[in-house]
Amino acid sequence: MKKSLGFPGLLLSTIFLFTACSTVEKPEPIDIAGIKVEIQAMEDAFAAAEKARDANAVAAYYGDEAISYGRNEQPSAGKAAIREAIAQNIAKDTLGNYSVYKVVDIFVEGNTAVEIGSWTEFDASGTKLENGNYMSYFEKNSDGSYQCVRDMTTTTKPLGSGM
């Protein structure tokens, strides 16, 4: 006597066939070290543009809809407003002070990255004046590069110390 698989057998065979033939796409590994190098290069370009007193080059770090939360001031919303705040800060500095930015940690997921960094401000002779920390949130552009869309900075200088 010949036995039929019937509907349950056919269903199981079909599921097995599709499962066996399907390929699972593995997500591409994230190159954290490479992204950290890329973000550090952006920070270095930011610092060089500040030192060169070029507000447009500093603002290139930001996306069009970015919001920047500076120390002891209201947030600047949009690239134009951020550029203006940068230009005002550059105009106030008549002493030639400059800052150095360092990526401390980076977290990446999909097309976004979060950087935690430290900054140190120096006078023209290289004497350390102040330091602090910052956090920047980046989104990857269609060309594969990152742009900052949010950032916030703090100082380690105690309140009431002449800031």
N, C-alpha and C. Protein backbone atom coordinates (compact mmCIF):
# COMPACT_ATOMS: atom_id res chain seq x y z
N MET A 1 0.83 -1.16 0.00
CA MET A 1 0.00 0.00 0.00
C MET A 1 0.88 1.24 0.00
N LYS A 2 0.56 2.16 -0.88
CA LYS A 2 1.32 3.38 -1.04
C LYS A 2 0.73 4.45 -0.15
N LYS A 3 1.59 5.11 0.62
CA LYS A 3 1.14 6.14 1.54
C LYS A 3 1.42 7.52 0.95
N SER A 4 0.49 8.44 1.06
CA SER A 4 0.62 9.80 0.54
C SER A 4 1.12 10.72 1.65
N LEU A 5 1.92 11.70 1.26
CA LEU A 5 2.40 12.69 2.24
C LEU A 5 1.27 13.60 2.70
N GLY A 6 0.35 13.86 1.85
CA GLY A 6 -0.77 14.72 2.18
C GLY A 6 -0.33 16.18 2.31
N PHE A 7 -1.26 17.01 2.71
CA PHE A 7 -1.02 18.45 2.82
C PHE A 7 0.07 18.79 3.84
N PRO A 8 0.03 18.21 5.06
CA PRO A 8 1.09 18.56 6.03
C PRO A 8 2.48 18.20 5.50
N GLY A 9 2.61 17.09 4.85
CA GLY A 9 3.91 16.70 4.30
C GLY A 9 4.36 17.64 3.18
N LEU A 10 3.41 18.03 2.34
CA LEU A 10 3.72 18.95 1.25
C LEU A 10 4.14 20.31 1.81
N LEU A 11 3.44 20.77 2.83
CA LEU A 11 3.75 22.05 3.47
C LEU A 11 5.15 22.01 4.07
N LEU A 12 5.47 20.94 4.80
CA LEU A 12 6.79 20.82 5.42
C LEU A 12 7.88 20.74 4.35
N SER A 13 7.61 20.02 3.28
CA SER A 13 8.60 19.91 2.19
C SER A 13 8.85 21.27 1.55
N THR A 14 7.79 22.05 1.35
CA THR A 14 7.92 23.38 0.75
C THR A 14 8.72 24.31 1.67
N ILE A 15 8.39 24.29 2.95
CA ILE A 15 9.12 25.13 3.92
C ILE A 15 10.59 24.74 3.94
N PHE A 16 10.87 23.45 3.95
CA PHE A 16 12.26 22.98 3.95
C PHE A 16 12.98 23.45 2.69
N LEU A 17 12.30 23.34 1.55
CA LEU A 17 12.90 23.73 0.29
C LEU A 17 13.26 25.22 0.29
N PHE A 18 12.33 26.08 0.73
CA PHE A 18 12.60 27.52 0.76
C PHE A 18 13.66 27.87 1.79
N THR A 19 13.64 27.21 2.92
CA THR A 19 14.64 27.48 3.96
C THR A 19 16.02 27.06 3.49
N ALA A 20 16.11 25.92 2.86
CA ALA A 20 17.40 25.41 2.39
C ALA A 20 17.96 26.27 1.26
N CYS A 21 17.09 26.85 0.45
CA CYS A 21 17.54 27.61 -0.71
C CYS A 21 17.75 29.09 -0.41
N SER A 22 17.23 29.55 0.69
CA SER A 22 17.36 30.99 0.97
C SER A 22 18.76 31.29 1.50
N THR A 23 19.21 32.50 1.18
CA THR A 23 20.50 32.93 1.69
C THR A 23 20.26 34.05 2.69
N VAL A 24 20.93 33.96 3.75
CA VAL A 24 20.82 35.00 4.78
C VAL A 24 21.94 35.99 4.54
N GLU A 25 21.56 37.24 4.32
CA GLU A 25 22.57 38.27 4.12
C GLU A 25 23.12 38.68 5.48
N LYS A 26 24.42 38.59 5.57
CA LYS A 26 25.08 39.01 6.80
C LYS A 26 25.37 40.49 6.69
N PRO A 27 25.11 41.24 7.77
CA PRO A 27 25.41 42.67 7.70
C PRO A 27 26.92 42.88 7.52
N GLU A 28 27.24 43.90 6.76
CA GLU A 28 28.64 44.22 6.52
C GLU A 28 29.26 44.65 7.85
N PRO A 29 30.44 44.13 8.17
CA PRO A 29 31.06 44.52 9.44
C PRO A 29 31.38 46.02 9.45
N ILE A 30 31.21 46.62 10.60
CA ILE A 30 31.47 48.05 10.75
C ILE A 30 32.93 48.25 11.09
N ASP A 31 33.59 49.12 10.35
CA ASP A 31 35.00 49.43 10.57
C ASP A 31 35.10 50.58 11.57
N ILE A 32 34.96 50.27 12.85
CA ILE A 32 34.98 51.29 13.90
C ILE A 32 36.29 52.07 13.86
N ALA A 33 37.41 51.37 13.72
CA ALA A 33 38.71 52.05 13.70
C ALA A 33 38.79 53.03 12.53
N GLY A 34 38.31 52.62 11.37
CA GLY A 34 38.33 53.50 10.20
C GLY A 34 37.44 54.71 10.37
N ILE A 35 36.27 54.50 10.96
CA ILE A 35 35.35 55.61 11.20
C ILE A 35 35.94 56.57 12.24
N LYS A 36 36.61 56.02 13.23
CA LYS A 36 37.26 56.87 14.24
C LYS A 36 38.33 57.75 13.58
N VAL A 37 39.09 57.19 12.66
CA VAL A 37 40.11 57.96 11.93
C VAL A 37 39.42 59.05 11.11
N GLU A 38 38.33 58.70 10.44
CA GLU A 38 37.60 59.67 9.61
C GLU A 38 37.06 60.82 10.47
N ILE A 39 36.46 60.50 11.61
CA ILE A 39 35.91 61.54 12.49
C ILE A 39 37.04 62.39 13.07
N GLN A 40 38.16 61.77 13.44
CA GLN A 40 39.29 62.55 13.96
C GLN A 40 39.81 63.52 12.90
N ALA A 41 39.84 63.09 11.65
CA ALA A 41 40.25 63.99 10.56
C ALA A 41 39.29 65.18 10.45
N MET A 42 38.00 64.93 10.66
CA MET A 42 37.03 66.02 10.65
C MET A 42 37.30 66.99 11.80
N GLU A 43 37.61 66.44 12.98
CA GLU A 43 37.92 67.29 14.14
C GLU A 43 39.19 68.11 13.89
N ASP A 44 40.20 67.48 13.28
CA ASP A 44 41.44 68.19 12.96
C ASP A 44 41.18 69.32 11.96
N ALA A 45 40.34 69.07 10.96
CA ALA A 45 39.99 70.10 9.97
C ALA A 45 39.21 71.23 10.64
N PHE A 46 38.33 70.89 11.57
CA PHE A 46 37.56 71.88 12.33
C PHE A 46 38.53 72.79 13.08
N ALA A 47 39.49 72.18 13.80
CA ALA A 47 40.46 72.94 14.59
C ALA A 47 41.34 73.82 13.69
N ALA A 48 41.78 73.28 12.57
CA ALA A 48 42.61 74.05 11.65
C ALA A 48 41.84 75.24 11.08
N ALA A 49 40.56 75.04 10.77
CA ALA A 49 39.72 76.13 10.26
C ALA A 49 39.51 77.20 11.32
N GLU A 50 39.31 76.77 12.57
CA GLU A 50 39.19 77.75 13.66
C GLU A 50 40.47 78.58 13.78
N LYS A 51 41.59 77.88 13.77
CA LYS A 51 42.89 78.56 13.90
C LYS A 51 43.13 79.52 12.74
N ALA A 52 42.65 79.14 11.54
CA ALA A 52 42.77 80.00 10.36
C ALA A 52 41.71 81.10 10.34
N ARG A 53 40.83 81.08 11.32
CA ARG A 53 39.76 82.08 11.46
C ARG A 53 38.81 82.05 10.25
N ASP A 54 38.48 80.84 9.78
CA ASP A 54 37.64 80.64 8.61
C ASP A 54 36.32 80.00 9.04
N ALA A 55 35.33 80.84 9.32
CA ALA A 55 34.03 80.37 9.81
C ALA A 55 33.34 79.45 8.82
N ASN A 56 33.49 79.70 7.52
CA ASN A 56 32.87 78.84 6.51
C ASN A 56 33.45 77.44 6.56
N ALA A 57 34.76 77.33 6.69
CA ALA A 57 35.40 76.01 6.75
C ALA A 57 35.02 75.28 8.04
N VAL A 58 34.88 76.01 9.14
CA VAL A 58 34.44 75.37 10.39
C VAL A 58 33.02 74.86 10.22
N ALA A 59 32.15 75.66 9.64
CA ALA A 59 30.75 75.29 9.47
C ALA A 59 30.57 74.12 8.50
N ALA A 60 31.56 73.82 7.69
CA ALA A 60 31.47 72.68 6.76
C ALA A 60 31.33 71.36 7.51
N TYR A 61 31.71 71.33 8.77
CA TYR A 61 31.60 70.17 9.65
C TYR A 61 30.13 69.77 9.85
N TYR A 62 29.23 70.74 9.75
CA TYR A 62 27.83 70.56 10.11
C TYR A 62 26.93 70.32 8.91
N GLY A 63 25.85 69.56 9.15
CA GLY A 63 24.78 69.39 8.17
C GLY A 63 23.89 70.62 8.17
N ASP A 64 23.07 70.76 7.13
CA ASP A 64 22.21 71.94 6.99
C ASP A 64 21.24 72.13 8.16
N GLU A 65 20.74 71.04 8.71
CA GLU A 65 19.74 71.12 9.78
C GLU A 65 20.35 70.86 11.17
N ALA A 66 21.64 71.03 11.30
CA ALA A 66 22.33 70.74 12.56
C ALA A 66 21.91 71.70 13.66
N ILE A 67 22.08 71.25 14.89
CA ILE A 67 21.90 72.10 16.07
C ILE A 67 23.14 71.93 16.93
N SER A 68 23.71 73.07 17.33
CA SER A 68 24.92 73.06 18.14
C SER A 68 24.62 73.68 19.50
N TYR A 69 24.94 72.95 20.55
CA TYR A 69 24.73 73.39 21.92
C TYR A 69 26.08 73.77 22.52
N GLY A 70 26.39 75.07 22.51
CA GLY A 70 27.67 75.56 23.03
C GLY A 70 27.61 75.80 24.52
N ARG A 71 28.78 76.04 25.09
CA ARG A 71 28.87 76.34 26.53
C ARG A 71 28.29 77.71 26.83
N ASN A 72 27.42 77.76 27.82
CA ASN A 72 26.90 79.03 28.35
C ASN A 72 26.25 79.92 27.29
N GLU A 73 25.56 79.32 26.35
CA GLU A 73 24.85 80.08 25.33
C GLU A 73 23.66 79.29 24.82
N GLN A 74 22.77 79.98 24.15
CA GLN A 74 21.61 79.32 23.56
C GLN A 74 22.07 78.47 22.37
N PRO A 75 21.35 77.39 22.08
CA PRO A 75 21.73 76.56 20.93
C PRO A 75 21.61 77.34 19.62
N SER A 76 22.44 76.98 18.66
CA SER A 76 22.37 77.54 17.31
C SER A 76 21.75 76.47 16.43
N ALA A 77 20.66 76.81 15.75
CA ALA A 77 19.93 75.85 14.92
C ALA A 77 20.09 76.19 13.45
N GLY A 78 20.58 75.23 12.68
CA GLY A 78 20.80 75.41 11.26
C GLY A 78 22.24 75.82 10.98
N LYS A 79 22.73 75.39 9.84
CA LYS A 79 24.12 75.65 9.47
C LYS A 79 24.44 77.14 9.42
N ALA A 80 23.52 77.96 8.91
CA ALA A 80 23.76 79.41 8.81
C ALA A 80 23.92 80.03 10.20
N ALA A 81 23.06 79.64 11.14
CA ALA A 81 23.15 80.18 12.50
C ALA A 81 24.43 79.70 13.20
N ILE A 82 24.79 78.45 12.96
CA ILE A 82 26.02 77.92 13.54
C ILE A 82 27.22 78.68 12.97
N ARG A 83 27.23 78.91 11.68
CA ARG A 83 28.31 79.65 11.05
C ARG A 83 28.43 81.05 11.63
N GLU A 84 27.29 81.70 11.85
CA GLU A 84 27.29 83.05 12.43
C GLU A 84 27.85 83.04 13.86
N ALA A 85 27.45 82.07 14.66
CA ALA A 85 27.98 81.97 16.04
C ALA A 85 29.49 81.73 16.02
N ILE A 86 29.94 80.90 15.09
CA ILE A 86 31.38 80.64 14.95
C ILE A 86 32.11 81.93 14.56
N ALA A 87 31.56 82.67 13.59
CA ALA A 87 32.17 83.92 13.15
C ALA A 87 32.27 84.92 14.30
N GLN A 88 31.23 84.99 15.13
CA GLN A 88 31.25 85.89 16.29
C GLN A 88 32.32 85.47 17.30
N ASN A 89 32.44 84.17 17.55
CA ASN A 89 33.47 83.68 18.47
C ASN A 89 34.87 83.96 17.94
N ILE A 90 35.06 83.78 16.65
CA ILE A 90 36.36 84.05 16.04
C ILE A 90 36.68 85.55 16.15
N ALA A 91 35.69 86.41 15.93
CA ALA A 91 35.91 87.86 16.01
C ALA A 91 36.27 88.30 17.43
N LYS A 92 35.72 87.62 18.44
CA LYS A 92 36.00 87.97 19.85
C LYS A 92 37.42 87.61 20.26
N ASP A 93 38.00 86.60 19.62
CA ASP A 93 39.33 86.15 20.00
C ASP A 93 40.38 86.99 19.29
N THR A 94 40.94 87.92 20.01
CA THR A 94 42.01 88.76 19.45
C THR A 94 43.39 88.28 19.91
N LEU A 95 43.42 87.17 20.66
CA LEU A 95 44.67 86.70 21.23
C LEU A 95 45.30 85.54 20.47
N GLY A 96 44.59 84.98 19.51
CA GLY A 96 45.14 83.86 18.75
C GLY A 96 45.04 82.52 19.47
N ASN A 97 44.06 82.39 20.36
CA ASN A 97 43.85 81.11 21.03
C ASN A 97 43.40 80.05 20.02
N TYR A 98 43.69 78.81 20.33
CA TYR A 98 43.29 77.72 19.44
C TYR A 98 42.94 76.49 20.28
N SER A 99 42.18 75.59 19.68
CA SER A 99 41.75 74.38 20.37
C SER A 99 42.22 73.14 19.63
N VAL A 100 42.37 72.07 20.39
CA VAL A 100 42.70 70.75 19.86
C VAL A 100 41.57 69.82 20.28
N TYR A 101 41.08 69.01 19.36
CA TYR A 101 39.98 68.09 19.62
C TYR A 101 40.47 66.66 19.47
N LYS A 102 40.03 65.79 20.37
CA LYS A 102 40.48 64.40 20.33
C LYS A 102 39.27 63.47 20.49
N VAL A 103 39.14 62.54 19.56
CA VAL A 103 38.10 61.51 19.67
C VAL A 103 38.50 60.58 20.82
N VAL A 104 37.60 60.43 21.79
CA VAL A 104 37.85 59.54 22.92
C VAL A 104 37.16 58.19 22.69
N ASP A 105 35.93 58.25 22.21
CA ASP A 105 35.17 57.03 21.96
C ASP A 105 34.21 57.27 20.81
N ILE A 106 33.86 56.20 20.13
CA ILE A 106 32.93 56.31 19.00
C ILE A 106 31.99 55.11 19.01
N PHE A 107 30.73 55.37 18.72
CA PHE A 107 29.72 54.34 18.65
C PHE A 107 29.03 54.47 17.29
N VAL A 108 28.92 53.37 16.58
CA VAL A 108 28.37 53.41 15.22
C VAL A 108 27.25 52.40 15.09
N GLU A 109 26.18 52.83 14.45
CA GLU A 109 25.07 51.93 14.13
C GLU A 109 24.44 52.42 12.84
N GLY A 110 24.38 51.55 11.87
CA GLY A 110 23.78 51.92 10.59
C GLY A 110 24.50 53.10 9.97
N ASN A 111 23.75 54.14 9.66
CA ASN A 111 24.31 55.35 9.03
C ASN A 111 24.55 56.47 10.02
N THR A 112 24.68 56.14 11.29
CA THR A 112 24.92 57.16 12.30
C THR A 112 26.12 56.81 13.16
N ALA A 113 26.70 57.84 13.73
CA ALA A 113 27.83 57.65 14.64
C ALA A 113 27.73 58.68 15.76
N VAL A 114 28.10 58.29 16.95
CA VAL A 114 28.17 59.20 18.09
C VAL A 114 29.62 59.23 18.55
N GLU A 115 30.13 60.43 18.65
CA GLU A 115 31.51 60.63 19.11
C GLU A 115 31.48 61.28 20.48
N ILE A 116 32.31 60.77 21.37
CA ILE A 116 32.58 61.43 22.64
C ILE A 116 34.03 61.88 22.55
N GLY A 117 34.26 63.16 22.78
CA GLY A 117 35.61 63.68 22.62
C GLY A 117 36.01 64.62 23.73
N SER A 118 37.26 65.02 23.67
CA SER A 118 37.78 66.01 24.61
C SER A 118 38.39 67.16 23.82
N TRP A 119 38.38 68.33 24.40
CA TRP A 119 39.00 69.49 23.76
C TRP A 119 39.89 70.19 24.77
N THR A 120 40.91 70.83 24.24
CA THR A 120 41.81 71.64 25.06
C THR A 120 42.07 72.94 24.32
N GLU A 121 41.93 74.05 25.03
CA GLU A 121 42.20 75.36 24.44
C GLU A 121 43.57 75.84 24.91
N PHE A 122 44.33 76.39 23.97
CA PHE A 122 45.67 76.91 24.24
C PHE A 122 45.75 78.37 23.82
N ASP A 123 46.65 79.12 24.46
CA ASP A 123 46.91 80.47 23.96
C ASP A 123 47.95 80.38 22.86
N ALA A 124 48.28 81.52 22.26
CA ALA A 124 49.19 81.53 21.11
C ALA A 124 50.57 80.95 21.43
N SER A 125 50.98 81.00 22.71
CA SER A 125 52.30 80.46 23.08
C SER A 125 52.24 78.97 23.40
N GLY A 126 51.03 78.37 23.38
CA GLY A 126 50.89 76.94 23.65
C GLY A 126 50.56 76.60 25.09
N THR A 127 50.27 77.62 25.90
CA THR A 127 49.89 77.39 27.29
C THR A 127 48.43 76.97 27.36
N LYS A 128 48.18 75.90 28.09
CA LYS A 128 46.82 75.38 28.24
C LYS A 128 45.98 76.38 29.04
N LEU A 129 44.82 76.73 28.50
CA LEU A 129 43.92 77.67 29.15
C LEU A 129 42.71 76.99 29.78
N GLU A 130 42.15 76.04 29.05
CA GLU A 130 40.89 75.42 29.48
C GLU A 130 40.74 74.09 28.75
N ASN A 131 39.91 73.22 29.30
CA ASN A 131 39.61 71.97 28.61
C ASN A 131 38.21 71.52 28.96
N GLY A 132 37.73 70.53 28.23
CA GLY A 132 36.40 70.01 28.47
C GLY A 132 36.12 68.81 27.59
N ASN A 133 34.85 68.53 27.46
CA ASN A 133 34.40 67.36 26.70
C ASN A 133 33.28 67.77 25.75
N TYR A 134 33.03 66.92 24.78
CA TYR A 134 31.94 67.19 23.85
C TYR A 134 31.37 65.87 23.36
N MET A 135 30.18 65.96 22.80
CA MET A 135 29.54 64.81 22.18
C MET A 135 28.97 65.30 20.85
N SER A 136 29.24 64.55 19.80
CA SER A 136 28.74 64.89 18.46
C SER A 136 28.01 63.69 17.88
N TYR A 137 26.90 63.97 17.22
CA TYR A 137 26.09 62.95 16.56
C TYR A 137 26.18 63.19 15.06
N PHE A 138 26.59 62.17 14.31
CA PHE A 138 26.82 62.27 12.88
C PHE A 138 25.84 61.40 12.11
N GLU A 139 25.49 61.86 10.91
CA GLU A 139 24.74 61.06 9.96
C GLU A 139 25.56 60.95 8.70
N LYS A 140 25.51 59.78 8.07
CA LYS A 140 26.25 59.54 6.84
C LYS A 140 25.48 60.13 5.68
N ASN A 141 26.17 60.87 4.82
CA ASN A 141 25.58 61.45 3.61
C ASN A 141 25.49 60.40 2.51
N SER A 142 24.81 60.74 1.44
CA SER A 142 24.68 59.82 0.31
C SER A 142 26.03 59.50 -0.33
N ASP A 143 27.03 60.38 -0.15
CA ASP A 143 28.36 60.11 -0.70
C ASP A 143 29.23 59.27 0.24
N GLY A 144 28.66 58.88 1.39
CA GLY A 144 29.38 58.03 2.34
C GLY A 144 30.15 58.78 3.40
N SER A 145 30.20 60.11 3.31
CA SER A 145 30.89 60.90 4.32
C SER A 145 29.93 61.24 5.47
N TYR A 146 30.50 61.59 6.60
CA TYR A 146 29.69 61.97 7.75
C TYR A 146 29.60 63.48 7.87
N GLN A 147 28.48 63.95 8.44
CA GLN A 147 28.31 65.35 8.82
C GLN A 147 27.69 65.38 10.20
N CYS A 148 28.13 66.33 10.99
CA CYS A 148 27.58 66.49 12.34
C CYS A 148 26.19 67.12 12.25
N VAL A 149 25.24 66.51 12.96
CA VAL A 149 23.88 67.07 12.99
C VAL A 149 23.49 67.56 14.38
N ARG A 150 24.23 67.15 15.40
CA ARG A 150 24.04 67.64 16.76
C ARG A 150 25.38 67.59 17.46
N ASP A 151 25.65 68.64 18.25
CA ASP A 151 26.82 68.57 19.11
C ASP A 151 26.57 69.38 20.36
N MET A 152 27.29 69.00 21.39
CA MET A 152 27.15 69.66 22.69
C MET A 152 28.53 69.64 23.35
N THR A 153 28.88 70.73 23.98
CA THR A 153 30.19 70.82 24.61
C THR A 153 30.07 71.30 26.06
N THR A 154 31.00 70.84 26.87
CA THR A 154 31.06 71.25 28.28
C THR A 154 32.48 71.66 28.60
N THR A 155 32.62 72.32 29.72
CA THR A 155 33.94 72.70 30.21
C THR A 155 34.18 72.04 31.56
N THR A 156 35.43 71.83 31.88
CA THR A 156 35.76 71.30 33.20
C THR A 156 36.10 72.44 34.17
N LYS A 157 36.07 73.67 33.65
CA LYS A 157 36.36 74.84 34.49
C LYS A 157 35.24 75.00 35.51
N PRO A 158 35.57 75.12 36.79
CA PRO A 158 34.54 75.29 37.82
C PRO A 158 33.75 76.58 37.64
N LEU A 159 32.49 76.56 38.02
CA LEU A 159 31.67 77.77 37.97
C LEU A 159 32.30 78.85 38.83
N GLY A 160 32.14 80.09 38.39
CA GLY A 160 32.65 81.22 39.16
C GLY A 160 34.15 81.40 39.05
N SER A 161 34.80 80.74 38.10
CA SER A 161 36.25 80.86 37.98
C SER A 161 36.65 81.81 36.84
N GLY A 162 35.75 82.73 36.52
CA GLY A 162 36.08 83.74 35.52
C GLY A 162 35.78 83.36 34.10
N MET A 163 34.87 82.45 33.90
CA MET A 163 34.50 82.07 32.54
C MET A 163 33.73 83.15 31.86
